[in-house]
C-alpha cells in the first residue's frame, strides 16, 4: 500500500522514472540532512531499486521498514540509523 493521508508525515522522495543509481543517490542525500531516527519514504519505479535500497540499508545500518509494490511503483520506508 502506498503512502496515504492516514500515515504519519514523512519526508517523501519521488524517484519515479529515474533509473538506478539515481533513486539511491536521492535517498543518500535525504538521509544526510536528517536526524537519527527520522524516516523517509522513497517511491521508485526502477525494479533494480529493490535490491539496491535493501543492500544499502543493510550496509549503512538504516532500518528498512516497509517495501510495497503497487502498479509498478516500489515504496520503501527507511529509518535513519541511530548514531
N, C-alpha and C. Protein backbone atom coordinates (compact mmCIF):
# COMPACT_ATOMS: atom_id res chain seq x y z
N UNK A 1 0.84 -1.17 0.00
CA UNK A 1 0.00 0.00 0.00
C UNK A 1 0.89 1.24 0.00
N UNK A 2 0.63 2.13 -0.91
CA UNK A 2 1.44 3.33 -0.99
C UNK A 2 1.06 4.32 0.10
N UNK A 3 1.94 5.27 0.36
CA UNK A 3 1.72 6.26 1.41
C UNK A 3 0.38 6.96 1.19
N UNK A 4 -0.34 7.15 2.27
CA UNK A 4 -1.61 7.87 2.18
C UNK A 4 -1.75 8.84 3.34
N UNK A 5 -2.83 9.57 3.36
CA UNK A 5 -3.01 10.61 4.35
C UNK A 5 -3.16 10.08 5.78
N UNK A 6 -3.39 8.78 5.94
CA UNK A 6 -3.55 8.21 7.29
C UNK A 6 -2.20 7.92 7.94
N UNK A 7 -1.13 7.90 7.16
CA UNK A 7 0.18 7.62 7.72
C UNK A 7 0.78 8.89 8.30
N UNK A 8 1.65 8.77 9.30
CA UNK A 8 2.32 9.95 9.85
C UNK A 8 3.12 10.65 8.75
N UNK A 9 3.38 11.92 8.98
CA UNK A 9 4.11 12.70 7.99
C UNK A 9 5.57 12.24 7.90
N UNK A 10 6.02 12.03 6.70
CA UNK A 10 7.40 11.63 6.43
C UNK A 10 7.92 12.51 5.31
N UNK A 11 9.23 12.61 5.22
CA UNK A 11 9.80 13.20 4.02
C UNK A 11 9.56 12.20 2.90
N UNK A 12 9.15 12.66 1.74
CA UNK A 12 8.87 11.76 0.63
C UNK A 12 9.77 12.11 -0.54
N UNK A 13 10.43 11.08 -1.07
CA UNK A 13 11.26 11.24 -2.26
C UNK A 13 10.57 10.52 -3.40
N UNK A 14 10.21 11.27 -4.42
CA UNK A 14 9.58 10.68 -5.59
C UNK A 14 10.66 10.48 -6.65
N UNK A 15 11.10 9.25 -6.81
CA UNK A 15 12.14 8.92 -7.78
C UNK A 15 11.58 8.11 -8.94
N UNK A 16 10.27 8.25 -9.16
CA UNK A 16 9.66 7.51 -10.27
C UNK A 16 10.23 8.01 -11.59
N UNK A 17 10.46 7.08 -12.49
CA UNK A 17 11.01 7.41 -13.79
C UNK A 17 12.52 7.51 -13.82
N UNK A 18 13.16 7.42 -12.66
CA UNK A 18 14.62 7.51 -12.60
C UNK A 18 15.23 6.12 -12.53
N UNK A 19 16.27 5.91 -13.32
CA UNK A 19 16.97 4.63 -13.32
C UNK A 19 18.02 4.63 -12.21
N UNK A 20 18.30 3.45 -11.68
CA UNK A 20 19.34 3.32 -10.67
C UNK A 20 20.68 3.70 -11.31
N UNK A 21 21.51 4.37 -10.58
CA UNK A 21 21.52 4.57 -9.13
C UNK A 21 20.85 5.86 -8.65
N UNK A 22 20.14 6.58 -9.49
CA UNK A 22 19.58 7.87 -9.08
C UNK A 22 18.63 7.79 -7.88
N UNK A 23 17.72 6.81 -7.79
CA UNK A 23 16.90 6.74 -6.56
C UNK A 23 17.75 6.57 -5.30
N UNK A 24 18.79 5.77 -5.39
CA UNK A 24 19.68 5.56 -4.25
C UNK A 24 20.42 6.85 -3.91
N UNK A 25 20.88 7.57 -4.90
CA UNK A 25 21.59 8.84 -4.65
C UNK A 25 20.66 9.86 -3.99
N UNK A 26 19.42 9.92 -4.44
CA UNK A 26 18.45 10.83 -3.82
C UNK A 26 18.20 10.44 -2.36
N UNK A 27 18.13 9.14 -2.09
CA UNK A 27 17.95 8.66 -0.72
C UNK A 27 19.15 9.06 0.15
N UNK A 28 20.35 8.85 -0.36
CA UNK A 28 21.56 9.21 0.40
C UNK A 28 21.58 10.70 0.73
N UNK A 29 21.21 11.54 -0.23
CA UNK A 29 21.17 12.98 0.01
C UNK A 29 20.17 13.33 1.11
N UNK A 30 19.00 12.72 1.06
CA UNK A 30 17.97 12.99 2.07
C UNK A 30 18.44 12.55 3.45
N UNK A 31 19.01 11.36 3.54
CA UNK A 31 19.46 10.84 4.83
C UNK A 31 20.55 11.72 5.43
N UNK A 32 21.38 12.29 4.59
CA UNK A 32 22.48 13.14 5.07
C UNK A 32 21.95 14.34 5.84
N UNK A 33 20.79 14.86 5.45
CA UNK A 33 20.25 16.06 6.09
C UNK A 33 19.25 15.74 7.21
N UNK A 34 19.06 14.46 7.51
CA UNK A 34 18.08 14.06 8.52
C UNK A 34 18.76 13.72 9.84
N UNK A 35 17.99 13.82 10.91
CA UNK A 35 18.45 13.42 12.24
C UNK A 35 18.27 11.91 12.41
N UNK A 36 19.04 11.35 13.31
CA UNK A 36 18.92 9.92 13.61
C UNK A 36 17.50 9.60 14.07
N UNK A 37 16.95 8.50 13.56
CA UNK A 37 15.62 8.07 13.94
C UNK A 37 14.51 8.60 13.05
N UNK A 38 14.81 9.63 12.24
CA UNK A 38 13.79 10.16 11.33
C UNK A 38 13.57 9.18 10.18
N UNK A 39 12.39 9.30 9.56
CA UNK A 39 12.03 8.38 8.49
C UNK A 39 11.82 9.12 7.18
N UNK A 40 12.08 8.40 6.10
CA UNK A 40 11.86 8.92 4.76
C UNK A 40 11.18 7.84 3.93
N UNK A 41 10.28 8.26 3.06
CA UNK A 41 9.63 7.35 2.13
C UNK A 41 10.23 7.59 0.76
N UNK A 42 10.66 6.52 0.12
CA UNK A 42 11.19 6.59 -1.24
C UNK A 42 10.25 5.83 -2.15
N UNK A 43 9.81 6.49 -3.21
CA UNK A 43 8.96 5.85 -4.22
C UNK A 43 9.76 5.79 -5.50
N UNK A 44 9.93 4.58 -6.03
CA UNK A 44 10.74 4.39 -7.23
C UNK A 44 10.03 3.44 -8.19
N UNK A 45 10.38 3.57 -9.46
CA UNK A 45 9.78 2.70 -10.47
C UNK A 45 10.80 1.73 -11.08
N UNK A 46 12.06 1.92 -10.78
CA UNK A 46 13.11 1.04 -11.32
C UNK A 46 13.18 -0.23 -10.47
N UNK A 47 12.98 -1.38 -11.10
CA UNK A 47 12.97 -2.66 -10.38
C UNK A 47 14.30 -2.92 -9.68
N UNK A 48 15.40 -2.36 -10.18
CA UNK A 48 16.70 -2.55 -9.53
C UNK A 48 16.76 -1.87 -8.16
N UNK A 49 15.85 -0.94 -7.92
CA UNK A 49 15.80 -0.28 -6.62
C UNK A 49 15.54 -1.28 -5.49
N UNK A 50 14.81 -2.33 -5.78
CA UNK A 50 14.51 -3.34 -4.75
C UNK A 50 15.79 -3.86 -4.11
N UNK A 51 16.73 -4.27 -4.92
CA UNK A 51 17.97 -4.82 -4.37
C UNK A 51 18.91 -3.71 -3.91
N UNK A 52 18.98 -2.61 -4.67
CA UNK A 52 19.91 -1.53 -4.32
C UNK A 52 19.58 -0.91 -2.96
N UNK A 53 18.33 -0.59 -2.73
CA UNK A 53 17.94 0.08 -1.49
C UNK A 53 18.08 -0.89 -0.31
N UNK A 54 17.66 -2.12 -0.49
CA UNK A 54 17.79 -3.11 0.58
C UNK A 54 19.26 -3.30 0.97
N UNK A 55 20.11 -3.47 -0.01
CA UNK A 55 21.53 -3.69 0.26
C UNK A 55 22.17 -2.46 0.92
N UNK A 56 21.84 -1.27 0.42
CA UNK A 56 22.38 -0.05 1.01
C UNK A 56 22.00 0.06 2.49
N UNK A 57 20.75 -0.21 2.81
CA UNK A 57 20.30 -0.13 4.20
C UNK A 57 21.02 -1.14 5.08
N UNK A 58 21.22 -2.34 4.56
CA UNK A 58 21.95 -3.36 5.32
C UNK A 58 23.37 -2.90 5.62
N UNK A 59 24.05 -2.38 4.62
CA UNK A 59 25.45 -1.96 4.78
C UNK A 59 25.57 -0.73 5.68
N UNK A 60 24.68 0.25 5.47
CA UNK A 60 24.77 1.51 6.21
C UNK A 60 24.15 1.45 7.60
N UNK A 61 23.34 0.42 7.87
CA UNK A 61 22.75 0.27 9.19
C UNK A 61 21.39 0.95 9.36
N UNK A 62 20.81 1.44 8.27
CA UNK A 62 19.49 2.05 8.34
C UNK A 62 18.44 0.94 8.36
N UNK A 63 17.29 1.25 8.94
CA UNK A 63 16.21 0.27 9.04
C UNK A 63 15.26 0.43 7.85
N UNK A 64 15.05 -0.65 7.14
CA UNK A 64 14.11 -0.67 6.02
C UNK A 64 12.80 -1.23 6.57
N UNK A 65 11.83 -0.36 6.78
CA UNK A 65 10.60 -0.73 7.46
C UNK A 65 9.55 -1.38 6.55
N UNK A 66 9.33 -0.80 5.38
CA UNK A 66 8.26 -1.28 4.51
C UNK A 66 8.77 -1.35 3.08
N UNK A 67 8.45 -2.42 2.42
CA UNK A 67 8.65 -2.50 0.98
C UNK A 67 7.31 -2.92 0.42
N UNK A 68 6.74 -2.09 -0.44
CA UNK A 68 5.49 -2.47 -1.07
C UNK A 68 5.57 -2.17 -2.56
N UNK A 69 4.71 -2.83 -3.30
CA UNK A 69 4.66 -2.63 -4.73
C UNK A 69 3.21 -2.45 -5.15
N UNK A 70 2.97 -1.43 -5.95
CA UNK A 70 1.63 -1.18 -6.46
C UNK A 70 1.77 -0.51 -7.82
N UNK A 71 1.19 -1.14 -8.84
CA UNK A 71 1.21 -0.58 -10.19
C UNK A 71 2.62 -0.21 -10.67
N UNK A 72 3.56 -1.10 -10.52
CA UNK A 72 4.95 -0.93 -10.94
C UNK A 72 5.68 0.19 -10.20
N UNK A 73 5.17 0.57 -9.03
CA UNK A 73 5.87 1.51 -8.16
C UNK A 73 6.27 0.77 -6.90
N UNK A 74 7.49 1.01 -6.46
CA UNK A 74 8.01 0.39 -5.26
C UNK A 74 8.11 1.47 -4.19
N UNK A 75 7.68 1.14 -2.99
CA UNK A 75 7.73 2.09 -1.89
C UNK A 75 8.57 1.53 -0.76
N UNK A 76 9.46 2.35 -0.26
CA UNK A 76 10.35 1.98 0.83
C UNK A 76 10.19 2.99 1.96
N UNK A 77 10.11 2.50 3.18
CA UNK A 77 10.11 3.38 4.36
C UNK A 77 11.43 3.09 5.08
N UNK A 78 12.28 4.09 5.10
CA UNK A 78 13.61 3.92 5.68
C UNK A 78 13.73 4.81 6.91
N UNK A 79 14.23 4.22 7.98
CA UNK A 79 14.51 4.98 9.19
C UNK A 79 16.01 5.12 9.33
N UNK A 80 16.45 6.37 9.48
CA UNK A 80 17.89 6.63 9.60
C UNK A 80 18.40 6.00 10.89
N UNK A 81 19.55 5.39 10.80
CA UNK A 81 20.11 4.72 11.96
C UNK A 81 20.39 5.70 13.08
N UNK A 82 20.30 5.19 14.29
CA UNK A 82 20.69 5.98 15.46
C UNK A 82 22.20 5.94 15.55
N UNK A 83 22.78 7.09 15.69
CA UNK A 83 24.25 7.18 15.70
C UNK A 83 24.82 6.48 16.83
